[in-house]
Amino acid sequence: MMDLLVQLAVAGSILVLVVLFMVTQERRADLRERLRRAGARRHWWNRPRNGH
């Protein structure tokens, strides 16, 4: 019985870690995309040459 409980606890913790990892990766990619988009708007070398 104890072995089963230990296996369930280990499996549950691994599942939680995987879910947390996926969520943080997703957020990080979203943040990176947002920063890239904001940077592309702001930088002088990405501005259109005709409109200033």
N, C-alpha and C. Protein backbone atom coordinates (compact mmCIF):
# COMPACT_ATOMS: atom_id res chain seq x y z
N MET A 1 0.84 -1.21 0.00
CA MET A 1 0.00 0.00 0.00
C MET A 1 0.87 1.26 0.00
N MET A 2 1.92 1.22 0.79
CA MET A 2 2.79 2.40 0.88
C MET A 2 3.48 2.67 -0.45
N ASP A 3 3.90 1.60 -1.13
CA ASP A 3 4.54 1.77 -2.44
C ASP A 3 3.61 2.46 -3.42
N LEU A 4 2.34 2.07 -3.40
CA LEU A 4 1.36 2.67 -4.31
C LEU A 4 1.20 4.15 -4.00
N LEU A 5 1.14 4.49 -2.72
CA LEU A 5 1.01 5.90 -2.34
C LEU A 5 2.23 6.70 -2.78
N VAL A 6 3.40 6.12 -2.62
CA VAL A 6 4.63 6.81 -3.03
C VAL A 6 4.64 7.01 -4.54
N GLN A 7 4.24 5.99 -5.29
CA GLN A 7 4.20 6.10 -6.75
C GLN A 7 3.20 7.16 -7.18
N LEU A 8 2.04 7.19 -6.52
CA LEU A 8 1.03 8.21 -6.85
C LEU A 8 1.56 9.61 -6.55
N ALA A 9 2.23 9.76 -5.41
CA ALA A 9 2.78 11.07 -5.04
C ALA A 9 3.84 11.51 -6.05
N VAL A 10 4.71 10.60 -6.44
CA VAL A 10 5.77 10.93 -7.40
C VAL A 10 5.16 11.29 -8.75
N ALA A 11 4.19 10.48 -9.21
CA ALA A 11 3.56 10.75 -10.50
C ALA A 11 2.83 12.09 -10.47
N GLY A 12 2.15 12.39 -9.37
CA GLY A 12 1.43 13.66 -9.24
C GLY A 12 2.38 14.84 -9.24
N SER A 13 3.50 14.71 -8.53
CA SER A 13 4.45 15.83 -8.48
C SER A 13 5.09 16.05 -9.85
N ILE A 14 5.39 14.96 -10.55
CA ILE A 14 5.96 15.09 -11.90
C ILE A 14 4.96 15.77 -12.83
N LEU A 15 3.71 15.38 -12.73
CA LEU A 15 2.67 15.99 -13.56
C LEU A 15 2.57 17.49 -13.27
N VAL A 16 2.58 17.85 -12.00
CA VAL A 16 2.51 19.27 -11.62
C VAL A 16 3.72 20.03 -12.16
N LEU A 17 4.90 19.43 -12.05
CA LEU A 17 6.11 20.09 -12.56
C LEU A 17 6.04 20.29 -14.06
N VAL A 18 5.55 19.28 -14.78
CA VAL A 18 5.45 19.39 -16.24
C VAL A 18 4.47 20.49 -16.62
N VAL A 19 3.32 20.54 -15.93
CA VAL A 19 2.32 21.57 -16.23
C VAL A 19 2.89 22.96 -15.95
N LEU A 20 3.54 23.11 -14.80
CA LEU A 20 4.15 24.41 -14.47
C LEU A 20 5.20 24.81 -15.49
N PHE A 21 6.02 23.84 -15.91
CA PHE A 21 7.06 24.12 -16.89
C PHE A 21 6.43 24.59 -18.20
N MET A 22 5.37 23.91 -18.63
CA MET A 22 4.71 24.29 -19.89
C MET A 22 4.11 25.69 -19.79
N VAL A 23 3.49 26.00 -18.66
CA VAL A 23 2.86 27.31 -18.49
C VAL A 23 3.92 28.41 -18.50
N THR A 24 5.03 28.18 -17.80
CA THR A 24 6.07 29.21 -17.76
C THR A 24 6.72 29.38 -19.12
N GLN A 25 6.93 28.29 -19.85
CA GLN A 25 7.50 28.39 -21.19
C GLN A 25 6.58 29.20 -22.10
N GLU A 26 5.28 28.92 -21.99
CA GLU A 26 4.29 29.61 -22.82
C GLU A 26 4.32 31.11 -22.51
N ARG A 27 4.35 31.44 -21.22
CA ARG A 27 4.37 32.84 -20.83
C ARG A 27 5.64 33.52 -21.30
N ARG A 28 6.75 32.80 -21.17
CA ARG A 28 8.03 33.38 -21.56
C ARG A 28 8.06 33.65 -23.06
N ALA A 29 7.53 32.72 -23.85
CA ALA A 29 7.48 32.92 -25.30
C ALA A 29 6.58 34.10 -25.63
N ASP A 30 5.45 34.21 -24.91
CA ASP A 30 4.52 35.32 -25.14
C ASP A 30 5.19 36.64 -24.78
N LEU A 31 5.90 36.65 -23.68
CA LEU A 31 6.60 37.86 -23.24
C LEU A 31 7.68 38.24 -24.25
N ARG A 32 8.41 37.23 -24.72
CA ARG A 32 9.47 37.48 -25.70
C ARG A 32 8.87 38.06 -26.98
N GLU A 33 7.75 37.50 -27.41
CA GLU A 33 7.08 38.00 -28.62
C GLU A 33 6.62 39.44 -28.42
N ARG A 34 6.06 39.73 -27.25
CA ARG A 34 5.58 41.08 -26.97
C ARG A 34 6.75 42.07 -26.95
N LEU A 35 7.85 41.67 -26.32
CA LEU A 35 9.03 42.54 -26.29
C LEU A 35 9.58 42.77 -27.69
N ARG A 36 9.60 41.72 -28.49
CA ARG A 36 10.12 41.85 -29.85
C ARG A 36 9.25 42.80 -30.66
N ARG A 37 7.93 42.67 -30.49
CA ARG A 37 7.01 43.54 -31.22
C ARG A 37 7.16 44.99 -30.77
N ALA A 38 7.27 45.20 -29.46
CA ALA A 38 7.43 46.56 -28.93
C ALA A 38 8.77 47.14 -29.39
N GLY A 39 9.82 46.31 -29.39
CA GLY A 39 11.12 46.78 -29.83
C GLY A 39 11.12 47.12 -31.30
N ALA A 40 10.41 46.35 -32.10
CA ALA A 40 10.35 46.62 -33.54
C ALA A 40 9.64 47.94 -33.81
N ARG A 41 8.68 48.28 -32.95
CA ARG A 41 7.99 49.57 -33.12
C ARG A 41 8.91 50.72 -32.74
N ARG A 42 9.75 50.51 -31.73
CA ARG A 42 10.44 51.63 -31.11
C ARG A 42 11.76 51.99 -31.78
N HIS A 43 12.46 51.00 -32.32
CA HIS A 43 13.82 51.27 -32.78
C HIS A 43 13.87 52.13 -34.02
N TRP A 44 14.89 52.95 -34.09
CA TRP A 44 15.00 53.89 -35.19
C TRP A 44 15.27 53.20 -36.51
N TRP A 45 16.00 52.05 -36.47
CA TRP A 45 16.34 51.40 -37.74
C TRP A 45 15.15 50.65 -38.33
N ASN A 46 14.07 50.49 -37.56
CA ASN A 46 12.89 49.82 -38.08
C ASN A 46 11.81 50.80 -38.51
N ARG A 47 12.07 52.08 -38.34
CA ARG A 47 11.09 53.08 -38.76
C ARG A 47 11.05 53.19 -40.27
N PRO A 48 9.90 53.48 -40.85
CA PRO A 48 9.85 53.71 -42.29
C PRO A 48 10.65 54.96 -42.65
N ARG A 49 11.35 54.91 -43.74
CA ARG A 49 12.25 56.00 -44.11
C ARG A 49 11.47 57.24 -44.57
N ASN A 50 10.31 57.05 -45.15
CA ASN A 50 9.60 58.19 -45.74
C ASN A 50 8.81 58.98 -44.71
N GLY A 51 8.30 58.33 -43.67
CA GLY A 51 7.40 59.03 -42.76
C GLY A 51 8.08 59.63 -41.55
N HIS A 52 9.27 59.17 -41.22
CA HIS A 52 10.01 59.55 -40.02
C HIS A 52 9.26 59.11 -38.79
